[in-house]
Amino acid sequence: MKESINLDTLPQHIAVIMDGNGRWAEQKGAMRVFGHRNAIKAVREIAEGCAELGVKYLTLYAFSTENWSRPADEVNALMELLVNTIADEIPTLHKNNTRLAAIGDIDSLPTKCAQKLRDAITETATNTGLTLCLALSYSGRWELKEAMKAIADKVAQGAVKTEEISLELISAHLHTKDMPDPELLIRTSGEMRISNFLLWQMAYTELFFTEVLWPDFRKEHLYEAIVDFQKRERRFGKTSAQLKS
């Protein structure tokens, strides 16, 4: 499958909804956190696969604002796992020339977790390959609300006129302002929805759904999604005839 990929038409930004950890664990008669622990290998594989191919940005939906409503023991275990994983993965990030980034309400994370994340972002800032972006305590509606508040403040201060509010201005106030919009979204576990993820940015994103549960997701599945993406005609509102001409 990898040999079928056209490196000249790679999606520059791939977003992933990593779904199915809990079901994977339940199928094995284990607690849900067992699935989260085993999901780390999938993260390593996909980040490495994207880096090897030359994909520029990979955004992983790691923890949504809605996930705070899950049972406290699961949330606490997830946060502890996140702290330990970030610290452990820094050598691998350097090895793969990968830069870590994050979007979301990072200040809402436990202090230890937020600090480890910021330290890792700083430590990998000079890497020039793949940008691995973690969406943590994030949701698309929350991001849009924060952008609207920031723009409203500038209007109130007289720094921006209402007639100057444009699509470009809104994009510039999003957490993803330094990244291109994702061209490909992958969601695992068979669910077919975008679950409040990158709502503004995914206006023209190609969607790929797979039955594979996230802990079982490997490079071969990534290649399958990219090959499928490259077979599609992306018209952006135009007709096929216009594209061909």
C-alpha atoms as a PDB file:
ATOM      1  CA  MET A   1       0.000   0.000   0.000  1.00  0.00           C
ATOM      2  CA  LYS A   2       2.849   2.419   0.784  1.00  0.00           C
ATOM      3  CA  GLU A   3       4.207   2.031  -2.761  1.00  0.00           C
ATOM      4  CA  SER A   4       0.811   3.186  -4.100  1.00  0.00           C
ATOM      5  CA  ILE A   5       1.128   6.602  -2.431  1.00  0.00           C
ATOM      6  CA  ASN A   6       1.944   9.559  -4.681  1.00  0.00           C
ATOM      7  CA  LEU A   7       4.377  11.632  -2.645  1.00  0.00           C
ATOM      8  CA  ASP A   8       3.664  14.674  -4.826  1.00  0.00           C
ATOM      9  CA  THR A   9       0.029  14.867  -3.683  1.00  0.00           C
ATOM     10  CA  LEU A  10       0.358  14.029   0.005  1.00  0.00           C
ATOM     11  CA  PRO A  11      -2.117  15.661   2.377  1.00  0.00           C
ATOM     12  CA  GLN A  12      -0.017  18.231   4.205  1.00  0.00           C
ATOM     13  CA  HIS A  13      -2.215  18.108   7.302  1.00  0.00           C
ATOM     14  CA  ILE A  14      -3.888  14.959   8.613  1.00  0.00           C
ATOM     15  CA  ALA A  15      -6.266  15.069  11.589  1.00  0.00           C
ATOM     16  CA  VAL A  16      -7.211  11.954  13.541  1.00  0.00           C
ATOM     17  CA  ILE A  17     -10.052  11.167  15.936  1.00  0.00           C
ATOM     18  CA  MET A  18      -8.527   8.321  17.939  1.00  0.00           C
ATOM     19  CA  ASP A  19     -11.642   6.343  18.832  1.00  0.00           C
ATOM     20  CA  GLY A  20     -12.206   2.883  20.244  1.00  0.00           C
ATOM     21  CA  ASN A  21      -9.762   2.591  23.156  1.00  0.00           C
ATOM     22  CA  GLY A  22     -12.469   1.719  25.667  1.00  0.00           C
ATOM     23  CA  ARG A  23     -14.179  -0.836  23.425  1.00  0.00           C
ATOM     24  CA  TRP A  24     -10.812  -2.413  22.622  1.00  0.00           C
ATOM     25  CA  ALA A  25     -10.160  -2.884  26.349  1.00  0.00           C
ATOM     26  CA  GLU A  26     -13.664  -4.176  27.043  1.00  0.00           C
ATOM     27  CA  GLN A  27     -13.307  -6.772  24.301  1.00  0.00           C
ATOM     28  CA  LYS A  28     -10.299  -8.070  26.207  1.00  0.00           C
ATOM     29  CA  GLY A  29     -12.097  -8.034  29.562  1.00  0.00           C
ATOM     30  CA  ALA A  30      -9.963  -5.161  30.858  1.00  0.00           C
ATOM     31  CA  MET A  31     -10.650  -1.692  32.254  1.00  0.00           C
ATOM     32  CA  ARG A  32     -10.956   1.185  29.786  1.00  0.00           C
ATOM     33  CA  VAL A  33      -7.628   2.713  30.818  1.00  0.00           C
ATOM     34  CA  PHE A  34      -5.933  -0.446  29.516  1.00  0.00           C
ATOM     35  CA  GLY A  35      -7.077   0.604  26.046  1.00  0.00           C
ATOM     36  CA  HIS A  36      -5.667   4.093  26.511  1.00  0.00           C
ATOM     37  CA  ARG A  37      -2.284   2.654  27.516  1.00  0.00           C
ATOM     38  CA  ASN A  38      -2.185   0.419  24.452  1.00  0.00           C
ATOM     39  CA  ALA A  39      -3.147   3.335  22.205  1.00  0.00           C
ATOM     40  CA  ILE A  40       0.334   4.802  22.630  1.00  0.00           C
ATOM     41  CA  LYS A  41       1.799   2.345  20.121  1.00  0.00           C
ATOM     42  CA  ALA A  42      -0.714   3.513  17.515  1.00  0.00           C
ATOM     43  CA  VAL A  43       0.293   7.133  18.144  1.00  0.00           C
ATOM     44  CA  ARG A  44       3.969   6.241  17.687  1.00  0.00           C
ATOM     45  CA  GLU A  45       3.272   4.321  14.459  1.00  0.00           C
ATOM     46  CA  ILE A  46       1.160   7.035  12.855  1.00  0.00           C
ATOM     47  CA  ALA A  47       3.486   9.869  13.853  1.00  0.00           C
ATOM     48  CA  GLU A  48       6.452   7.930  12.521  1.00  0.00           C
ATOM     49  CA  GLY A  49       4.575   7.003   9.343  1.00  0.00           C
ATOM     50  CA  CYS A  50       3.638  10.626   8.675  1.00  0.00           C
ATOM     51  CA  ALA A  51       7.210  11.772   9.343  1.00  0.00           C
ATOM     52  CA  GLU A  52       8.648   9.160   6.976  1.00  0.00           C
ATOM     53  CA  LEU A  53       6.271  10.120   4.160  1.00  0.00           C
ATOM     54  CA  GLY A  54       6.799  13.848   4.545  1.00  0.00           C
ATOM     55  CA  VAL A  55       3.407  14.890   5.937  1.00  0.00           C
ATOM     56  CA  LYS A  56       3.898  18.302   7.558  1.00  0.00           C
ATOM     57  CA  TYR A  57       1.169  18.334  10.231  1.00  0.00           C
ATOM     58  CA  LEU A  58      -0.591  15.630  12.236  1.00  0.00           C
ATOM     59  CA  THR A  59      -3.287  16.670  14.721  1.00  0.00           C
ATOM     60  CA  LEU A  60      -4.560  14.070  17.192  1.00  0.00           C
ATOM     61  CA  TYR A  61      -7.826  14.569  19.089  1.00  0.00           C
ATOM     62  CA  ALA A  62      -6.525  13.390  22.453  1.00  0.00           C
ATOM     63  CA  PHE A  63      -9.025  14.818  24.963  1.00  0.00           C
ATOM     64  CA  SER A  64     -12.146  16.878  24.294  1.00  0.00           C
ATOM     65  CA  THR A  65     -13.814  19.406  26.568  1.00  0.00           C
ATOM     66  CA  GLU A  66     -16.701  16.930  26.807  1.00  0.00           C
ATOM     67  CA  ASN A  67     -14.332  14.202  28.064  1.00  0.00           C
ATOM     68  CA  TRP A  68     -14.112  15.984  31.426  1.00  0.00           C
ATOM     69  CA  SER A  69     -17.572  14.531  32.159  1.00  0.00           C
ATOM     70  CA  ARG A  70     -16.225  10.958  32.079  1.00  0.00           C
ATOM     71  CA  PRO A  71     -15.739   9.029  35.360  1.00  0.00           C
ATOM     72  CA  ALA A  72     -13.118  10.741  37.530  1.00  0.00           C
ATOM     73  CA  ASP A  73     -10.912   7.644  37.800  1.00  0.00           C
ATOM     74  CA  GLU A  74     -10.679   7.372  34.003  1.00  0.00           C
ATOM     75  CA  VAL A  75      -9.889  11.084  33.599  1.00  0.00           C
ATOM     76  CA  ASN A  76      -7.228  10.934  36.321  1.00  0.00           C
ATOM     77  CA  ALA A  77      -5.644   7.855  34.745  1.00  0.00           C
ATOM     78  CA  LEU A  78      -5.651   9.553  31.338  1.00  0.00           C
ATOM     79  CA  MET A  79      -3.927  12.648  32.715  1.00  0.00           C
ATOM     80  CA  GLU A  80      -1.280  10.574  34.490  1.00  0.00           C
ATOM     81  CA  LEU A  81      -0.726   8.565  31.316  1.00  0.00           C
ATOM     82  CA  LEU A  82      -0.377  11.770  29.314  1.00  0.00           C
ATOM     83  CA  VAL A  83       2.266  13.165  31.666  1.00  0.00           C
ATOM     84  CA  ASN A  84       4.350  10.000  31.585  1.00  0.00           C
ATOM     85  CA  THR A  85       3.999   9.513  27.830  1.00  0.00           C
ATOM     86  CA  ILE A  86       5.062  13.070  26.968  1.00  0.00           C
ATOM     87  CA  ALA A  87       8.198  12.728  29.091  1.00  0.00           C
ATOM     88  CA  ASP A  88       9.035   9.301  27.654  1.00  0.00           C
ATOM     89  CA  GLU A  89       8.506  10.276  24.013  1.00  0.00           C
ATOM     90  CA  ILE A  90      10.815  13.304  23.814  1.00  0.00           C
ATOM     91  CA  PRO A  91      13.847  11.240  22.639  1.00  0.00           C
ATOM     92  CA  THR A  92      11.687   9.673  19.890  1.00  0.00           C
ATOM     93  CA  LEU A  93      10.408  13.096  18.838  1.00  0.00           C
ATOM     94  CA  HIS A  94      13.987  14.317  18.475  1.00  0.00           C
ATOM     95  CA  LYS A  95      14.990  11.152  16.609  1.00  0.00           C
ATOM     96  CA  ASN A  96      12.193  11.708  14.071  1.00  0.00           C
ATOM     97  CA  ASN A  97      12.825  15.500  13.901  1.00  0.00           C
ATOM     98  CA  THR A  98       9.260  16.006  15.144  1.00  0.00           C
ATOM     99  CA  ARG A  99       8.024  19.199  16.769  1.00  0.00           C
ATOM    100  CA  LEU A 100       5.300  18.954  19.438  1.00  0.00           C
ATOM    101  CA  ALA A 101       2.450  21.468  19.547  1.00  0.00           C
ATOM    102  CA  ALA A 102      -0.924  21.665  21.282  1.00  0.00           C
ATOM    103  CA  ILE A 103      -4.324  23.294  20.851  1.00  0.00           C
ATOM    104  CA  GLY A 104      -7.095  23.615  23.397  1.00  0.00           C
ATOM    105  CA  ASP A 105      -7.625  24.982  26.898  1.00  0.00           C
ATOM    106  CA  ILE A 106      -4.218  23.898  28.208  1.00  0.00           C
ATOM    107  CA  ASP A 107      -4.683  25.934  31.399  1.00  0.00           C
ATOM    108  CA  SER A 108      -7.571  23.632  32.377  1.00  0.00           C
ATOM    109  CA  LEU A 109      -5.249  20.608  32.514  1.00  0.00           C
ATOM    110  CA  PRO A 110      -3.726  19.534  35.846  1.00  0.00           C
ATOM    111  CA  THR A 111      -0.712  21.731  36.625  1.00  0.00           C
ATOM    112  CA  LYS A 112       1.822  18.899  36.317  1.00  0.00           C
ATOM    113  CA  CYS A 113       0.360  17.786  33.003  1.00  0.00           C
ATOM    114  CA  ALA A 114       0.279  21.283  31.525  1.00  0.00           C
ATOM    115  CA  GLN A 115       3.873  21.950  32.595  1.00  0.00           C
ATOM    116  CA  LYS A 116       5.186  18.683  31.090  1.00  0.00           C
ATOM    117  CA  LEU A 117       3.403  19.545  27.862  1.00  0.00           C
ATOM    118  CA  ARG A 118       4.826  23.065  27.717  1.00  0.00           C
ATOM    119  CA  ASP A 119       8.319  21.758  28.518  1.00  0.00           C
ATOM    120  CA  ALA A 120       8.109  19.214  25.691  1.00  0.00           C
ATOM    121  CA  ILE A 121       6.855  21.865  23.246  1.00  0.00           C
ATOM    122  CA  THR A 122       9.791  24.101  24.151  1.00  0.00           C
ATOM    123  CA  GLU A 123      12.317  21.265  24.002  1.00  0.00           C
ATOM    124  CA  THR A 124      11.231  20.158  20.501  1.00  0.00           C
ATOM    125  CA  ALA A 125      10.625  23.650  19.080  1.00  0.00           C
ATOM    126  CA  THR A 126      13.717  23.617  16.856  1.00  0.00           C
ATOM    127  CA  ASN A 127      12.832  20.336  15.112  1.00  0.00           C
ATOM    128  CA  THR A 128      11.946  20.958  11.473  1.00  0.00           C
ATOM    129  CA  GLY A 129      10.062  17.845  10.323  1.00  0.00           C
ATOM    130  CA  LEU A 130       6.534  16.801  11.226  1.00  0.00           C
ATOM    131  CA  THR A 131       4.524  18.983  13.603  1.00  0.00           C
ATOM    132  CA  LEU A 132       2.620  16.665  15.956  1.00  0.00           C
ATOM    133  CA  CYS A 133      -0.248  18.653  17.432  1.00  0.00           C
ATOM    134  CA  LEU A 134      -2.233  17.336  20.411  1.00  0.00           C
ATOM    135  CA  ALA A 135      -5.796  18.616  20.816  1.00  0.00           C
ATOM    136  CA  LEU A 136      -6.284  18.600  24.597  1.00  0.00           C
ATOM    137  CA  SER A 137      -9.296  19.920  26.490  1.00  0.00           C
ATOM    138  CA  TYR A 138     -10.381  21.038  23.039  1.00  0.00           C
ATOM    139  CA  SER A 139     -13.620  21.313  21.098  1.00  0.00           C
ATOM    140  CA  GLY A 140     -14.470  23.144  17.905  1.00  0.00           C
ATOM    141  CA  ARG A 141     -17.314  25.154  19.452  1.00  0.00           C
ATOM    142  CA  TRP A 142     -15.109  26.181  22.393  1.00  0.00           C
ATOM    143  CA  GLU A 143     -12.417  27.357  19.972  1.00  0.00           C
ATOM    144  CA  LEU A 144     -14.903  29.396  17.941  1.00  0.00           C
ATOM    145  CA  LYS A 145     -16.321  30.947  21.124  1.00  0.00           C
ATOM    146  CA  GLU A 146     -12.828  31.996  22.217  1.00  0.00           C
ATOM    147  CA  ALA A 147     -12.117  33.467  18.770  1.00  0.00           C
ATOM    148  CA  MET A 148     -15.388  35.434  18.791  1.00  0.00           C
ATOM    149  CA  LYS A 149     -14.619  36.813  22.265  1.00  0.00           C
ATOM    150  CA  ALA A 150     -11.139  37.916  21.171  1.00  0.00           C
ATOM    151  CA  ILE A 151     -12.491  39.636  18.057  1.00  0.00           C
ATOM    152  CA  ALA A 152     -15.327  41.260  20.047  1.00  0.00           C
ATOM    153  CA  ASP A 153     -12.754  42.668  22.489  1.00  0.00           C
ATOM    154  CA  LYS A 154     -10.811  44.212  19.594  1.00  0.00           C
ATOM    155  CA  VAL A 155     -14.011  45.727  18.178  1.00  0.00           C
ATOM    156  CA  ALA A 156     -14.844  47.173  21.603  1.00  0.00           C
ATOM    157  CA  GLN A 157     -11.340  48.661  21.840  1.00  0.00           C
ATOM    158  CA  GLY A 158     -11.644  50.165  18.364  1.00  0.00           C
ATOM    159  CA  ALA A 159      -8.793  48.035  16.994  1.00  0.00           C
ATOM    160  CA  VAL A 160     -11.109  46.282  14.516  1.00  0.00           C
ATOM    161  CA  LYS A 161     -14.213  47.569  12.732  1.00  0.00           C
ATOM    162  CA  THR A 162     -17.151  45.204  12.281  1.00  0.00           C
ATOM    163  CA  GLU A 163     -16.924  45.551   8.510  1.00  0.00           C
ATOM    164  CA  GLU A 164     -13.328  44.318   8.734  1.00  0.00           C
ATOM    165  CA  ILE A 165     -14.354  40.950  10.187  1.00  0.00           C
ATOM    166  CA  SER A 166     -13.520  38.439   7.468  1.00  0.00           C
ATOM    167  CA  LEU A 167     -12.971  34.727   7.063  1.00  0.00           C
ATOM    168  CA  GLU A 168      -9.242  35.405   7.241  1.00  0.00           C
ATOM    169  CA  LEU A 169      -9.597  37.388  10.480  1.00  0.00           C
ATOM    170  CA  ILE A 170     -11.563  34.579  12.134  1.00  0.00           C
ATOM    171  CA  SER A 171      -8.990  31.993  11.019  1.00  0.00           C
ATOM    172  CA  ALA A 172      -6.227  34.180  12.453  1.00  0.00           C
ATOM    173  CA  HIS A 173      -7.853  33.977  15.898  1.00  0.00           C
ATOM    174  CA  LEU A 174      -8.104  30.187  15.981  1.00  0.00           C
ATOM    175  CA  HIS A 175      -5.622  27.952  17.788  1.00  0.00           C
ATOM    176  CA  THR A 176      -4.631  26.473  14.412  1.00  0.00           C
ATOM    177  CA  LYS A 177      -3.662  29.834  12.900  1.00  0.00           C
ATOM    178  CA  ASP A 178      -0.127  28.613  12.257  1.00  0.00           C
ATOM    179  CA  MET A 179      -1.238  25.437  10.444  1.00  0.00           C
ATOM    180  CA  PRO A 180      -3.031  24.788   7.152  1.00  0.00           C
ATOM    181  CA  ASP A 181      -6.531  23.341   7.377  1.00  0.00           C
ATOM    182  CA  PRO A 182      -6.546  19.538   7.485  1.00  0.00           C
ATOM    183  CA  GLU A 183      -6.990  17.932   4.104  1.00  0.00           C
ATOM    184  CA  LEU A 184      -7.732  14.471   5.499  1.00  0.00           C
ATOM    185  CA  LEU A 185      -9.581  13.395   8.651  1.00  0.00           C
ATOM    186  CA  ILE A 186      -9.276   9.795   9.836  1.00  0.00           C
ATOM    187  CA  ARG A 187     -11.690   8.435  12.445  1.00  0.00           C
ATOM    188  CA  THR A 188     -11.299   4.931  13.821  1.00  0.00           C
ATOM    189  CA  SER A 189     -13.773   2.464  15.396  1.00  0.00           C
ATOM    190  CA  GLY A 190     -16.554   2.764  12.802  1.00  0.00           C
ATOM    191  CA  GLU A 191     -18.179   5.914  14.204  1.00  0.00           C
ATOM    192  CA  MET A 192     -19.162   8.357  11.445  1.00  0.00           C
ATOM    193  CA  ARG A 193     -19.179  11.832  12.951  1.00  0.00           C
ATOM    194  CA  ILE A 194     -16.647  14.574  13.632  1.00  0.00           C
ATOM    195  CA  SER A 195     -17.522  15.034  17.331  1.00  0.00           C
ATOM    196  CA  ASN A 196     -16.963  18.774  17.674  1.00  0.00           C
ATOM    197  CA  PHE A 197     -13.437  18.605  16.218  1.00  0.00           C
ATOM    198  CA  LEU A 198     -11.926  21.405  14.094  1.00  0.00           C
ATOM    199  CA  LEU A 199     -15.378  22.555  12.972  1.00  0.00           C
ATOM    200  CA  TRP A 200     -14.195  25.694  11.148  1.00  0.00           C
ATOM    201  CA  GLN A 201     -11.096  24.084   9.689  1.00  0.00           C
ATOM    202  CA  MET A 202     -12.816  21.021   8.203  1.00  0.00           C
ATOM    203  CA  ALA A 203     -15.066  22.850   5.757  1.00  0.00           C
ATOM    204  CA  TYR A 204     -13.462  20.968   2.838  1.00  0.00           C
ATOM    205  CA  THR A 205     -11.640  18.142   4.604  1.00  0.00           C
ATOM    206  CA  GLU A 206     -11.938  14.655   3.113  1.00  0.00           C
ATOM    207  CA  LEU A 207     -13.318  12.195   5.681  1.00  0.00           C
ATOM    208  CA  PHE A 208     -12.085   8.612   6.064  1.00  0.00           C
ATOM    209  CA  PHE A 209     -13.829   6.231   8.469  1.00  0.00           C
ATOM    210  CA  THR A 210     -12.489   2.812   9.397  1.00  0.00           C
ATOM    211  CA  GLU A 211     -13.808  -0.007  11.603  1.00  0.00           C
ATOM    212  CA  VAL A 212     -10.315  -0.527  13.085  1.00  0.00           C
ATOM    213  CA  LEU A 213     -10.159   0.364  16.780  1.00  0.00           C
ATOM    214  CA  TRP A 214      -7.460   2.899  17.551  1.00  0.00           C
ATOM    215  CA  PRO A 215      -5.116   0.600  19.574  1.00  0.00           C
ATOM    216  CA  ASP A 216      -4.944  -1.662  16.487  1.00  0.00           C
ATOM    217  CA  PHE A 217      -4.294   1.180  14.015  1.00  0.00           C
ATOM    218  CA  ARG A 218      -0.927   0.850  12.250  1.00  0.00           C
ATOM    219  CA  LYS A 219       1.026   2.388   9.367  1.00  0.00           C
ATOM    220  CA  GLU A 220      -0.730   0.145   6.840  1.00  0.00           C
ATOM    221  CA  HIS A 221      -4.073   1.675   7.850  1.00  0.00           C
ATOM    222  CA  LEU A 222      -2.597   5.164   7.496  1.00  0.00           C
ATOM    223  CA  TYR A 223      -1.361   4.317   4.006  1.00  0.00           C
ATOM    224  CA  GLU A 224      -4.826   2.977   3.104  1.00  0.00           C
ATOM    225  CA  ALA A 225      -6.424   6.267   4.155  1.00  0.00           C
ATOM    226  CA  ILE A 226      -3.921   8.336   2.166  1.00  0.00           C
ATOM    227  CA  VAL A 227      -4.351   6.207  -0.967  1.00  0.00           C
ATOM    228  CA  ASP A 228      -8.134   6.582  -0.660  1.00  0.00           C
ATOM    229  CA  PHE A 229      -7.692  10.361  -0.252  1.00  0.00           C
ATOM    230  CA  GLN A 230      -5.557  10.556  -3.394  1.00  0.00           C
ATOM    231  CA  LYS A 231      -8.262   8.852  -5.470  1.00  0.00           C
ATOM    232  CA  ARG A 232     -10.794  11.565  -4.690  1.00  0.00           C
ATOM    233  CA  GLU A 233     -11.571  14.622  -6.780  1.00  0.00           C
ATOM    234  CA  ARG A 234     -11.405  17.738  -4.602  1.00  0.00           C
ATOM    235  CA  ARG A 235     -13.581  20.377  -6.289  1.00  0.00           C
ATOM    236  CA  PHE A 236     -13.968  23.086  -3.600  1.00  0.00           C
ATOM    237  CA  GLY A 237     -17.351  24.102  -5.029  1.00  0.00           C
ATOM    238  CA  LYS A 238     -16.306  23.911  -8.690  1.00  0.00           C
ATOM    239  CA  THR A 239     -17.451  21.365 -11.264  1.00  0.00           C
ATOM    240  CA  SER A 240     -15.363  18.506 -12.594  1.00  0.00           C
ATOM    241  CA  ALA A 241     -15.322  20.191 -15.987  1.00  0.00           C
ATOM    242  CA  GLN A 242     -13.843  23.355 -14.499  1.00  0.00           C
ATOM    243  CA  LEU A 243     -11.074  21.406 -12.811  1.00  0.00           C
ATOM    244  CA  LYS A 244     -10.203  19.561 -16.009  1.00  0.00           C
ATOM    245  CA  SER A 245     -10.034  22.784 -18.005  1.00  0.00           C
END
